[in-house]
Amino acid sequence: MPQLLLFPCNGNAVEALDALDAGWDVLGFVDDALSKQGTLCHGLTVYSRAAFARWPEAQVLAVPGSPQSYRARRAAIEGLGCDARWAQVIHPAARVSRHARLGRNVLLMAGVVVCAGAVVGEHVCILPNSVIHHDARIGDFSLVGSNVSVAGGARVGENCYLASGSSVIDGAEIGDFALVGLASTVLRGVAPNARVAGSPARVLG
């Protein structure tokens, strides 16, 4: 039974508990906040980074990030020094085509569908009931909210944030570090570093 450490003790990691079946030995959370270390979260201890050395064989699922901090995900994840230990956690109620490809340190929550030809990069978190359609691509370090639809052939760059309820039409390209706001509809390309919202999505001032 593989051991697992969850980083950090945030909403994404707490929800990841629901995706873990009895085949995992969850050791606890790791968090840099001193106020959390030594406490219990959903019955699991919150440790400092010393836990990575304490359990050198444990796999790691790192799911930091929010609309406010998503741009820092790459630095936060790479800074853990766990490159050879990344887990891949897929909720039993998620559906992944045998013709799709998933990277390391990926979390797919309940109801997620990844269709044929789709590619989900490394260090990606996809929240419940989102669909990555055929031949779409989600770049490394990106966060995808709940009830998101990424249509066929669309390209989402690295370190992006797609907020819950948003939709990306067929073939659209979203540049690196872009943010798509809640319930937005992307009908054309989104430039790198842009923040867009609305239906159709427009650049925020």
C-alpha atoms as a PDB file:
ATOM      1  CA  MET A   1       0.000   0.000   0.000  1.00  0.00           C
ATOM      2  CA  PRO A   2       1.669   3.274  -1.084  1.00  0.00           C
ATOM      3  CA  GLN A   3       2.137   5.991   1.496  1.00  0.00           C
ATOM      4  CA  LEU A   4       1.016   9.527   0.647  1.00  0.00           C
ATOM      5  CA  LEU A   5       1.704  13.025   1.930  1.00  0.00           C
ATOM      6  CA  LEU A   6      -0.574  15.916   0.895  1.00  0.00           C
ATOM      7  CA  PHE A   7       0.748  19.459   0.425  1.00  0.00           C
ATOM      8  CA  PRO A   8      -0.412  21.956   1.625  1.00  0.00           C
ATOM      9  CA  CYS A   9      -3.262  21.714   4.119  1.00  0.00           C
ATOM     10  CA  ASN A  10      -5.695  23.627   1.884  1.00  0.00           C
ATOM     11  CA  GLY A  11      -9.088  23.093   0.277  1.00  0.00           C
ATOM     12  CA  ASN A  12      -7.719  21.186  -2.707  1.00  0.00           C
ATOM     13  CA  ALA A  13      -5.819  18.755  -0.501  1.00  0.00           C
ATOM     14  CA  VAL A  14      -8.790  18.253   1.829  1.00  0.00           C
ATOM     15  CA  GLU A  15     -11.029  17.457  -1.146  1.00  0.00           C
ATOM     16  CA  ALA A  16      -8.370  15.070  -2.440  1.00  0.00           C
ATOM     17  CA  LEU A  17      -9.157  12.862   0.553  1.00  0.00           C
ATOM     18  CA  ASP A  18     -12.447  11.975  -1.136  1.00  0.00           C
ATOM     19  CA  ALA A  19     -10.543  10.741  -4.195  1.00  0.00           C
ATOM     20  CA  LEU A  20      -8.373   8.336  -2.215  1.00  0.00           C
ATOM     21  CA  ASP A  21      -9.579   4.767  -1.828  1.00  0.00           C
ATOM     22  CA  ALA A  22      -8.425   2.158   0.657  1.00  0.00           C
ATOM     23  CA  GLY A  23      -5.379   1.472  -1.486  1.00  0.00           C
ATOM     24  CA  TRP A  24      -3.555   4.506  -0.056  1.00  0.00           C
ATOM     25  CA  ASP A  25      -1.918   4.957   3.347  1.00  0.00           C
ATOM     26  CA  VAL A  26      -2.397   8.694   3.896  1.00  0.00           C
ATOM     27  CA  LEU A  27       0.225   9.838   6.392  1.00  0.00           C
ATOM     28  CA  GLY A  28      -0.987  13.421   6.743  1.00  0.00           C
ATOM     29  CA  PHE A  29      -0.610  16.941   5.416  1.00  0.00           C
ATOM     30  CA  VAL A  30       2.531  19.032   5.020  1.00  0.00           C
ATOM     31  CA  ASP A  31       2.211  22.791   5.423  1.00  0.00           C
ATOM     32  CA  ASP A  32       4.627  25.689   5.839  1.00  0.00           C
ATOM     33  CA  ALA A  33       2.307  27.616   8.181  1.00  0.00           C
ATOM     34  CA  LEU A  34       3.589  27.235  11.746  1.00  0.00           C
ATOM     35  CA  SER A  35       0.056  27.746  13.051  1.00  0.00           C
ATOM     36  CA  LYS A  36      -1.084  24.566  11.291  1.00  0.00           C
ATOM     37  CA  GLN A  37       1.861  22.322  12.101  1.00  0.00           C
ATOM     38  CA  GLY A  38       1.129  19.831  14.866  1.00  0.00           C
ATOM     39  CA  THR A  39      -2.650  20.225  14.519  1.00  0.00           C
ATOM     40  CA  LEU A  40      -5.170  17.743  13.160  1.00  0.00           C
ATOM     41  CA  CYS A  41      -7.082  18.264   9.927  1.00  0.00           C
ATOM     42  CA  HIS A  42      -9.856  15.748   9.249  1.00  0.00           C
ATOM     43  CA  GLY A  43      -8.139  13.376  11.642  1.00  0.00           C
ATOM     44  CA  LEU A  44      -4.726  13.665   9.960  1.00  0.00           C
ATOM     45  CA  THR A  45      -1.664  15.385  11.416  1.00  0.00           C
ATOM     46  CA  VAL A  46      -0.240  18.473   9.738  1.00  0.00           C
ATOM     47  CA  TYR A  47       3.561  18.249   9.549  1.00  0.00           C
ATOM     48  CA  SER A  48       6.420  20.512   8.536  1.00  0.00           C
ATOM     49  CA  ARG A  49       8.543  19.708   5.488  1.00  0.00           C
ATOM     50  CA  ALA A  50      10.592  17.433   7.726  1.00  0.00           C
ATOM     51  CA  ALA A  51       7.936  14.822   6.921  1.00  0.00           C
ATOM     52  CA  PHE A  52       9.431  14.392   3.450  1.00  0.00           C
ATOM     53  CA  ALA A  53      12.661  13.115   5.029  1.00  0.00           C
ATOM     54  CA  ARG A  54      10.863  11.174   7.748  1.00  0.00           C
ATOM     55  CA  TRP A  55       9.006   9.114   5.109  1.00  0.00           C
ATOM     56  CA  PRO A  56      11.417   8.981   2.162  1.00  0.00           C
ATOM     57  CA  GLU A  57       9.353   6.358   0.328  1.00  0.00           C
ATOM     58  CA  ALA A  58       6.081   8.262   0.549  1.00  0.00           C
ATOM     59  CA  GLN A  59       4.559   9.678  -2.604  1.00  0.00           C
ATOM     60  CA  VAL A  60       3.542  13.342  -2.630  1.00  0.00           C
ATOM     61  CA  LEU A  61       0.456  15.076  -3.995  1.00  0.00           C
ATOM     62  CA  ALA A  62       1.049  18.832  -4.141  1.00  0.00           C
ATOM     63  CA  VAL A  63      -2.047  20.910  -4.921  1.00  0.00           C
ATOM     64  CA  PRO A  64      -1.366  24.502  -3.859  1.00  0.00           C
ATOM     65  CA  GLY A  65      -3.015  27.454  -5.537  1.00  0.00           C
ATOM     66  CA  SER A  66      -6.055  29.688  -5.707  1.00  0.00           C
ATOM     67  CA  PRO A  67      -7.181  32.565  -7.959  1.00  0.00           C
ATOM     68  CA  GLN A  68      -4.921  34.805  -5.893  1.00  0.00           C
ATOM     69  CA  SER A  69      -1.820  32.578  -5.814  1.00  0.00           C
ATOM     70  CA  TYR A  70      -1.964  30.376  -8.915  1.00  0.00           C
ATOM     71  CA  ARG A  71       0.962  32.152 -10.574  1.00  0.00           C
ATOM     72  CA  ALA A  72       3.243  30.937  -7.773  1.00  0.00           C
ATOM     73  CA  ARG A  73       2.296  27.254  -8.159  1.00  0.00           C
ATOM     74  CA  ARG A  74       5.379  26.255 -10.120  1.00  0.00           C
ATOM     75  CA  ALA A  75       7.803  27.744  -7.606  1.00  0.00           C
ATOM     76  CA  ALA A  76       5.861  26.270  -4.677  1.00  0.00           C
ATOM     77  CA  ILE A  77       5.772  22.768  -6.144  1.00  0.00           C
ATOM     78  CA  GLU A  78       9.325  22.673  -7.473  1.00  0.00           C
ATOM     79  CA  GLY A  79      10.564  24.051  -4.153  1.00  0.00           C
ATOM     80  CA  LEU A  80       9.450  20.896  -2.374  1.00  0.00           C
ATOM     81  CA  GLY A  81      12.276  18.871  -3.946  1.00  0.00           C
ATOM     82  CA  CYS A  82      10.028  15.832  -4.486  1.00  0.00           C
ATOM     83  CA  ASP A  83      10.619  15.313  -8.193  1.00  0.00           C
ATOM     84  CA  ALA A  84      10.872  11.522  -8.057  1.00  0.00           C
ATOM     85  CA  ARG A  85       7.936  11.063  -5.675  1.00  0.00           C
ATOM     86  CA  TRP A  86       4.894  12.580  -7.367  1.00  0.00           C
ATOM     87  CA  ALA A  87       1.586  10.777  -7.020  1.00  0.00           C
ATOM     88  CA  GLN A  88      -1.312  10.619  -9.456  1.00  0.00           C
ATOM     89  CA  VAL A  89      -4.714  10.605  -7.754  1.00  0.00           C
ATOM     90  CA  ILE A  90      -7.897   9.900  -9.714  1.00  0.00           C
ATOM     91  CA  HIS A  91     -11.287   9.770  -8.018  1.00  0.00           C
ATOM     92  CA  PRO A  92     -13.080   6.442  -8.620  1.00  0.00           C
ATOM     93  CA  ALA A  93     -15.945   8.413 -10.197  1.00  0.00           C
ATOM     94  CA  ALA A  94     -13.679  10.141 -12.738  1.00  0.00           C
ATOM     95  CA  ARG A  95     -13.482   8.786 -16.287  1.00  0.00           C
ATOM     96  CA  VAL A  96     -10.223   8.856 -18.231  1.00  0.00           C
ATOM     97  CA  SER A  97     -10.015   7.554 -21.792  1.00  0.00           C
ATOM     98  CA  ARG A  98      -7.387   4.916 -22.415  1.00  0.00           C
ATOM     99  CA  HIS A  99      -6.342   7.187 -25.297  1.00  0.00           C
ATOM    100  CA  ALA A 100      -5.723  10.194 -23.009  1.00  0.00           C
ATOM    101  CA  ARG A 101      -2.443  11.034 -21.297  1.00  0.00           C
ATOM    102  CA  LEU A 102      -1.934  12.278 -17.728  1.00  0.00           C
ATOM    103  CA  GLY A 103       1.219  13.695 -16.161  1.00  0.00           C
ATOM    104  CA  ARG A 104       2.652  13.315 -12.679  1.00  0.00           C
ATOM    105  CA  ASN A 105       1.205  15.047  -9.618  1.00  0.00           C
ATOM    106  CA  VAL A 106      -2.256  15.172 -11.171  1.00  0.00           C
ATOM    107  CA  LEU A 107      -5.480  15.247  -9.143  1.00  0.00           C
ATOM    108  CA  LEU A 108      -8.778  14.471 -10.884  1.00  0.00           C
ATOM    109  CA  MET A 109     -11.808  14.831  -8.642  1.00  0.00           C
ATOM    110  CA  ALA A 110     -15.251  13.205  -8.849  1.00  0.00           C
ATOM    111  CA  GLY A 111     -17.067  13.456 -12.139  1.00  0.00           C
ATOM    112  CA  VAL A 112     -14.075  14.639 -14.166  1.00  0.00           C
ATOM    113  CA  VAL A 113     -14.014  13.298 -17.721  1.00  0.00           C
ATOM    114  CA  VAL A 114     -10.845  13.256 -19.839  1.00  0.00           C
ATOM    115  CA  CYS A 115     -11.632  12.234 -23.407  1.00  0.00           C
ATOM    116  CA  ALA A 116      -9.673  10.478 -26.134  1.00  0.00           C
ATOM    117  CA  GLY A 117      -6.564  12.276 -27.311  1.00  0.00           C
ATOM    118  CA  ALA A 118      -6.607  14.776 -24.447  1.00  0.00           C
ATOM    119  CA  VAL A 119      -3.371  15.572 -22.618  1.00  0.00           C
ATOM    120  CA  VAL A 120      -3.298  16.727 -19.009  1.00  0.00           C
ATOM    121  CA  GLY A 121       0.165  17.954 -18.108  1.00  0.00           C
ATOM    122  CA  GLU A 122       2.114  17.611 -14.886  1.00  0.00           C
ATOM    123  CA  HIS A 123       1.107  19.238 -11.584  1.00  0.00           C
ATOM    124  CA  VAL A 124      -2.497  19.840 -12.692  1.00  0.00           C
ATOM    125  CA  CYS A 125      -5.546  19.884 -10.425  1.00  0.00           C
ATOM    126  CA  ILE A 126      -9.024  19.464 -11.951  1.00  0.00           C
ATOM    127  CA  LEU A 127     -12.026  19.974  -9.665  1.00  0.00           C
ATOM    128  CA  PRO A 128     -15.315  18.019  -9.825  1.00  0.00           C
ATOM    129  CA  ASN A 129     -17.462  17.560 -12.920  1.00  0.00           C
ATOM    130  CA  SER A 130     -15.135  19.206 -15.429  1.00  0.00           C
ATOM    131  CA  VAL A 131     -14.692  17.809 -18.942  1.00  0.00           C
ATOM    132  CA  ILE A 132     -11.514  17.899 -21.003  1.00  0.00           C
ATOM    133  CA  HIS A 133     -12.747  17.021 -24.476  1.00  0.00           C
ATOM    134  CA  HIS A 134     -10.989  15.183 -27.295  1.00  0.00           C
ATOM    135  CA  ASP A 135      -7.493  16.338 -28.227  1.00  0.00           C
ATOM    136  CA  ALA A 136      -7.539  19.245 -25.778  1.00  0.00           C
ATOM    137  CA  ARG A 137      -4.396  20.030 -23.812  1.00  0.00           C
ATOM    138  CA  ILE A 138      -3.995  21.356 -20.273  1.00  0.00           C
ATOM    139  CA  GLY A 139      -0.528  22.757 -19.599  1.00  0.00           C
ATOM    140  CA  ASP A 140       1.691  21.996 -16.621  1.00  0.00           C
ATOM    141  CA  PHE A 141       0.930  23.673 -13.271  1.00  0.00           C
ATOM    142  CA  SER A 142      -2.586  24.734 -14.294  1.00  0.00           C
ATOM    143  CA  LEU A 143      -5.697  24.698 -12.094  1.00  0.00           C
ATOM    144  CA  VAL A 144      -9.134  23.854 -13.514  1.00  0.00           C
ATOM    145  CA  GLY A 145     -12.196  24.622 -11.399  1.00  0.00           C
ATOM    146  CA  SER A 146     -15.421  22.642 -11.146  1.00  0.00           C
ATOM    147  CA  ASN A 147     -17.936  22.323 -13.991  1.00  0.00           C
ATOM    148  CA  VAL A 148     -15.443  23.590 -16.571  1.00  0.00           C
ATOM    149  CA  SER A 149     -15.632  22.512 -20.213  1.00  0.00           C
ATOM    150  CA  VAL A 150     -12.504  22.605 -22.359  1.00  0.00           C
ATOM    151  CA  ALA A 151     -13.718  21.768 -25.862  1.00  0.00           C
ATOM    152  CA  GLY A 152     -12.023  19.653 -28.484  1.00  0.00           C
ATOM    153  CA  GLY A 153      -8.606  20.779 -29.642  1.00  0.00           C
ATOM    154  CA  ALA A 154      -8.401  23.693 -27.205  1.00  0.00           C
ATOM    155  CA  ARG A 155      -5.017  24.525 -25.710  1.00  0.00           C
ATOM    156  CA  VAL A 156      -4.565  25.792 -22.158  1.00  0.00           C
ATOM    157  CA  GLY A 157      -1.059  27.021 -21.408  1.00  0.00           C
ATOM    158  CA  GLU A 158       1.105  26.509 -18.348  1.00  0.00           C
ATOM    159  CA  ASN A 159       0.257  27.922 -14.929  1.00  0.00           C
ATOM    160  CA  CYS A 160      -3.261  28.982 -15.935  1.00  0.00           C
ATOM    161  CA  TYR A 161      -6.397  29.245 -13.808  1.00  0.00           C
ATOM    162  CA  LEU A 162      -9.806  28.325 -15.248  1.00  0.00           C
ATOM    163  CA  ALA A 163     -12.441  29.290 -12.708  1.00  0.00           C
ATOM    164  CA  SER A 164     -15.499  27.181 -12.021  1.00  0.00           C
ATOM    165  CA  GLY A 165     -18.251  27.164 -14.612  1.00  0.00           C
ATOM    166  CA  SER A 166     -16.066  28.489 -17.416  1.00  0.00           C
ATOM    167  CA  SER A 167     -16.047  27.154 -20.975  1.00  0.00           C
ATOM    168  CA  VAL A 168     -13.380  27.189 -23.679  1.00  0.00           C
ATOM    169  CA  ILE A 169     -14.580  26.658 -27.259  1.00  0.00           C
ATOM    170  CA  ASP A 170     -13.089  24.275 -29.805  1.00  0.00           C
ATOM    171  CA  GLY A 171      -9.570  25.133 -30.851  1.00  0.00           C
ATOM    172  CA  ALA A 172      -9.157  28.211 -28.635  1.00  0.00           C
ATOM    173  CA  GLU A 173      -5.697  28.859 -27.190  1.00  0.00           C
ATOM    174  CA  ILE A 174      -5.099  30.278 -23.724  1.00  0.00           C
ATOM    175  CA  GLY A 175      -1.634  31.634 -23.065  1.00  0.00           C
ATOM    176  CA  ASP A 176       0.596  30.863 -20.088  1.00  0.00           C
ATOM    177  CA  PHE A 177      -0.330  32.437 -16.730  1.00  0.00           C
ATOM    178  CA  ALA A 178      -3.781  33.503 -17.947  1.00  0.00           C
ATOM    179  CA  LEU A 179      -6.861  33.551 -15.715  1.00  0.00           C
ATOM    180  CA  VAL A 180     -10.403  32.866 -16.922  1.00  0.00           C
ATOM    181  CA  GLY A 181     -13.039  34.137 -14.493  1.00  0.00           C
ATOM    182  CA  LEU A 182     -16.108  32.436 -13.063  1.00  0.00           C
ATOM    183  CA  ALA A 183     -18.712  31.224 -15.569  1.00  0.00           C
ATOM    184  CA  SER A 184     -16.842  32.832 -18.466  1.00  0.00           C
ATOM    185  CA  THR A 185     -17.017  31.688 -22.086  1.00  0.00           C
ATOM    186  CA  VAL A 186     -13.797  31.883 -24.073  1.00  0.00           C
ATOM    187  CA  LEU A 187     -14.640  32.336 -27.759  1.00  0.00           C
ATOM    188  CA  ARG A 188     -11.210  33.373 -29.013  1.00  0.00           C
ATOM    189  CA  GLY A 189      -7.575  33.248 -27.954  1.00  0.00           C
ATOM    190  CA  VAL A 190      -6.445  34.606 -24.579  1.00  0.00           C
ATOM    191  CA  ALA A 191      -3.014  36.223 -24.435  1.00  0.00           C
ATOM    192  CA  PRO A 192      -0.373  35.102 -21.937  1.00  0.00           C
ATOM    193  CA  ASN A 193      -0.765  36.744 -18.506  1.00  0.00           C
ATOM    194  CA  ALA A 194      -4.229  38.089 -19.408  1.00  0.00           C
ATOM    195  CA  ARG A 195      -7.200  38.042 -17.027  1.00  0.00           C
ATOM    196  CA  VAL A 196     -10.533  37.623 -18.770  1.00  0.00           C
ATOM    197  CA  ALA A 197     -14.126  37.261 -17.629  1.00  0.00           C
ATOM    198  CA  GLY A 198     -17.650  37.355 -18.968  1.00  0.00           C
ATOM    199  CA  SER A 199     -19.647  35.677 -21.709  1.00  0.00           C
ATOM    200  CA  PRO A 200     -18.065  36.188 -24.119  1.00  0.00           C
ATOM    201  CA  ALA A 201     -14.864  36.622 -22.115  1.00  0.00           C
ATOM    202  CA  ARG A 202     -13.199  40.034 -22.288  1.00  0.00           C
ATOM    203  CA  VAL A 203      -9.959  41.335 -20.830  1.00  0.00           C
ATOM    204  CA  LEU A 204     -10.405  42.775 -17.350  1.00  0.00           C
ATOM    205  CA  GLY A 205      -9.319  46.353 -16.903  1.00  0.00           C
END
